[in-house]
Amino acid sequence: MFGKPKDPELFDKQYWEDHVPIAKQMPGLKKYTVHKVVGAPRGDPAYYQVVELEFDNLDSMKKALDSQAGRDSGRHGVKIATGGITFLYAESKEAV
């Protein structure tokens, strides 16, 4: 989750042109989804953009993060995240 960058236009350019190609090289990455935050119930949203990376399981994700592409992606993400960055690891479960 990315906080609001100091220069949103520059962030968007760096994210799509530089970061996405690096991150998409991670082994085992099944799905890469970017959500631009457009509002919040009250006040300004806490985040500018939320990104989901989907892997088969936690072990697959750990291997991807330990890969060269994973390390490069992490360093680049932190570098461009002038509004801060928060990482969370979650397991999915469909509500029925």
C-alpha atoms as a PDB file:
ATOM      1  CA  MET A   1       0.000   0.000   0.000  1.00  0.00           C
ATOM      2  CA  PHE A   2       1.499   3.302  -1.073  1.00  0.00           C
ATOM      3  CA  GLY A   3       0.859   6.553   0.782  1.00  0.00           C
ATOM      4  CA  LYS A   4       0.203   9.706  -1.221  1.00  0.00           C
ATOM      5  CA  PRO A   5       3.441  10.553  -3.042  1.00  0.00           C
ATOM      6  CA  LYS A   6       4.950  14.028  -2.958  1.00  0.00           C
ATOM      7  CA  ASP A   7       4.655  14.164  -6.759  1.00  0.00           C
ATOM      8  CA  PRO A   8       1.830  11.848  -7.889  1.00  0.00           C
ATOM      9  CA  GLU A   9       2.560  12.350 -11.602  1.00  0.00           C
ATOM     10  CA  LEU A  10       6.208  11.367 -11.170  1.00  0.00           C
ATOM     11  CA  PHE A  11       5.248   8.403  -8.988  1.00  0.00           C
ATOM     12  CA  ASP A  12       2.769   7.116 -11.585  1.00  0.00           C
ATOM     13  CA  LYS A  13       5.390   7.421 -14.335  1.00  0.00           C
ATOM     14  CA  GLN A  14       8.067   5.628 -12.305  1.00  0.00           C
ATOM     15  CA  TYR A  15       5.623   2.997 -11.099  1.00  0.00           C
ATOM     16  CA  TRP A  16       4.253   1.996 -14.489  1.00  0.00           C
ATOM     17  CA  GLU A  17       7.384   2.483 -16.596  1.00  0.00           C
ATOM     18  CA  ASP A  18      10.029   1.186 -14.190  1.00  0.00           C
ATOM     19  CA  HIS A  19       8.557  -0.680 -11.237  1.00  0.00           C
ATOM     20  CA  VAL A  20       5.945  -2.882 -12.877  1.00  0.00           C
ATOM     21  CA  PRO A  21       8.401  -4.458 -15.362  1.00  0.00           C
ATOM     22  CA  ILE A  22      10.779  -5.294 -12.480  1.00  0.00           C
ATOM     23  CA  ALA A  23       8.073  -6.728 -10.227  1.00  0.00           C
ATOM     24  CA  LYS A  24       6.494  -8.810 -12.985  1.00  0.00           C
ATOM     25  CA  GLN A  25       9.772 -10.751 -13.315  1.00  0.00           C
ATOM     26  CA  MET A  26       9.305 -12.359  -9.882  1.00  0.00           C
ATOM     27  CA  PRO A  27       9.113 -16.134 -10.227  1.00  0.00           C
ATOM     28  CA  GLY A  28       5.763 -17.682  -9.331  1.00  0.00           C
ATOM     29  CA  LEU A  29       3.786 -14.437  -9.649  1.00  0.00           C
ATOM     30  CA  LYS A  30       0.266 -15.444 -10.727  1.00  0.00           C
ATOM     31  CA  LYS A  31      -1.554 -12.125 -10.708  1.00  0.00           C
ATOM     32  CA  TYR A  32      -0.575  -8.457 -10.326  1.00  0.00           C
ATOM     33  CA  THR A  33      -3.408  -6.007  -9.629  1.00  0.00           C
ATOM     34  CA  VAL A  34      -3.087  -2.259  -9.045  1.00  0.00           C
ATOM     35  CA  HIS A  35      -5.912  -0.331  -7.360  1.00  0.00           C
ATOM     36  CA  LYS A  36      -5.826   3.480  -7.492  1.00  0.00           C
ATOM     37  CA  VAL A  37      -7.542   4.784  -4.343  1.00  0.00           C
ATOM     38  CA  VAL A  38     -10.273   7.247  -5.324  1.00  0.00           C
ATOM     39  CA  GLY A  39     -11.820   8.094  -1.970  1.00  0.00           C
ATOM     40  CA  ALA A  40     -12.589   7.141   1.613  1.00  0.00           C
ATOM     41  CA  PRO A  41     -15.749   7.252   3.746  1.00  0.00           C
ATOM     42  CA  ARG A  42     -14.428  10.291   5.645  1.00  0.00           C
ATOM     43  CA  GLY A  43     -11.656  12.695   4.800  1.00  0.00           C
ATOM     44  CA  ASP A  44      -8.621  12.001   2.700  1.00  0.00           C
ATOM     45  CA  PRO A  45      -7.764   8.354   2.048  1.00  0.00           C
ATOM     46  CA  ALA A  46      -4.802   6.985   3.986  1.00  0.00           C
ATOM     47  CA  TYR A  47      -3.367   5.441   0.822  1.00  0.00           C
ATOM     48  CA  TYR A  48      -2.813   6.505  -2.785  1.00  0.00           C
ATOM     49  CA  GLN A  49      -2.524   3.060  -4.340  1.00  0.00           C
ATOM     50  CA  VAL A  50      -3.020  -0.534  -3.206  1.00  0.00           C
ATOM     51  CA  VAL A  51      -1.231  -3.320  -5.049  1.00  0.00           C
ATOM     52  CA  GLU A  52      -1.979  -7.046  -4.848  1.00  0.00           C
ATOM     53  CA  LEU A  53       0.538  -9.676  -5.891  1.00  0.00           C
ATOM     54  CA  GLU A  54      -0.867 -13.194  -5.931  1.00  0.00           C
ATOM     55  CA  PHE A  55       1.135 -16.405  -5.517  1.00  0.00           C
ATOM     56  CA  ASP A  56       0.129 -20.049  -5.079  1.00  0.00           C
ATOM     57  CA  ASN A  57       1.097 -20.058  -1.408  1.00  0.00           C
ATOM     58  CA  LEU A  58       3.275 -18.418   1.229  1.00  0.00           C
ATOM     59  CA  ASP A  59       6.348 -20.471   0.294  1.00  0.00           C
ATOM     60  CA  SER A  60       6.028 -19.395  -3.347  1.00  0.00           C
ATOM     61  CA  MET A  61       5.768 -15.765  -2.261  1.00  0.00           C
ATOM     62  CA  LYS A  62       8.846 -16.051  -0.018  1.00  0.00           C
ATOM     63  CA  LYS A  63      10.866 -17.536  -2.880  1.00  0.00           C
ATOM     64  CA  ALA A  64       9.733 -14.714  -5.165  1.00  0.00           C
ATOM     65  CA  LEU A  65      10.696 -12.054  -2.626  1.00  0.00           C
ATOM     66  CA  ASP A  66      14.096 -13.702  -2.118  1.00  0.00           C
ATOM     67  CA  SER A  67      14.777 -13.749  -5.869  1.00  0.00           C
ATOM     68  CA  GLN A  68      16.856 -11.054  -7.568  1.00  0.00           C
ATOM     69  CA  ALA A  69      13.685  -9.598  -9.116  1.00  0.00           C
ATOM     70  CA  GLY A  70      11.997  -9.588  -5.694  1.00  0.00           C
ATOM     71  CA  ARG A  71      14.905  -7.765  -4.070  1.00  0.00           C
ATOM     72  CA  ASP A  72      15.148  -5.290  -6.962  1.00  0.00           C
ATOM     73  CA  SER A  73      11.397  -4.668  -6.824  1.00  0.00           C
ATOM     74  CA  GLY A  74      11.492  -4.065  -3.077  1.00  0.00           C
ATOM     75  CA  ARG A  75      14.380  -1.598  -3.307  1.00  0.00           C
ATOM     76  CA  HIS A  76      12.785   0.248  -6.211  1.00  0.00           C
ATOM     77  CA  GLY A  77       9.368   0.381  -4.512  1.00  0.00           C
ATOM     78  CA  VAL A  78      10.842   1.900  -1.359  1.00  0.00           C
ATOM     79  CA  LYS A  79      12.836   4.386  -3.459  1.00  0.00           C
ATOM     80  CA  ILE A  80       9.798   5.757  -5.326  1.00  0.00           C
ATOM     81  CA  ALA A  81       7.410   5.633  -2.340  1.00  0.00           C
ATOM     82  CA  THR A  82       7.843   9.232  -1.231  1.00  0.00           C
ATOM     83  CA  GLY A  83       4.550   8.981   0.662  1.00  0.00           C
ATOM     84  CA  GLY A  84       5.580   5.802   2.460  1.00  0.00           C
ATOM     85  CA  ILE A  85       4.893   2.156   1.779  1.00  0.00           C
ATOM     86  CA  THR A  86       3.250  -0.565   3.878  1.00  0.00           C
ATOM     87  CA  PHE A  87       3.607  -4.283   3.162  1.00  0.00           C
ATOM     88  CA  LEU A  88       1.088  -6.866   4.338  1.00  0.00           C
ATOM     89  CA  TYR A  89       0.988 -10.610   3.699  1.00  0.00           C
ATOM     90  CA  ALA A  90      -2.480 -12.142   3.579  1.00  0.00           C
ATOM     91  CA  GLU A  91      -4.212 -15.387   2.699  1.00  0.00           C
ATOM     92  CA  SER A  92      -7.382 -15.232   0.631  1.00  0.00           C
ATOM     93  CA  LYS A  93     -10.675 -16.897   1.374  1.00  0.00           C
ATOM     94  CA  GLU A  94     -13.790 -16.436  -0.707  1.00  0.00           C
ATOM     95  CA  ALA A  95     -16.937 -15.466   1.152  1.00  0.00           C
ATOM     96  CA  VAL A  96     -19.900 -17.627   0.213  1.00  0.00           C
END
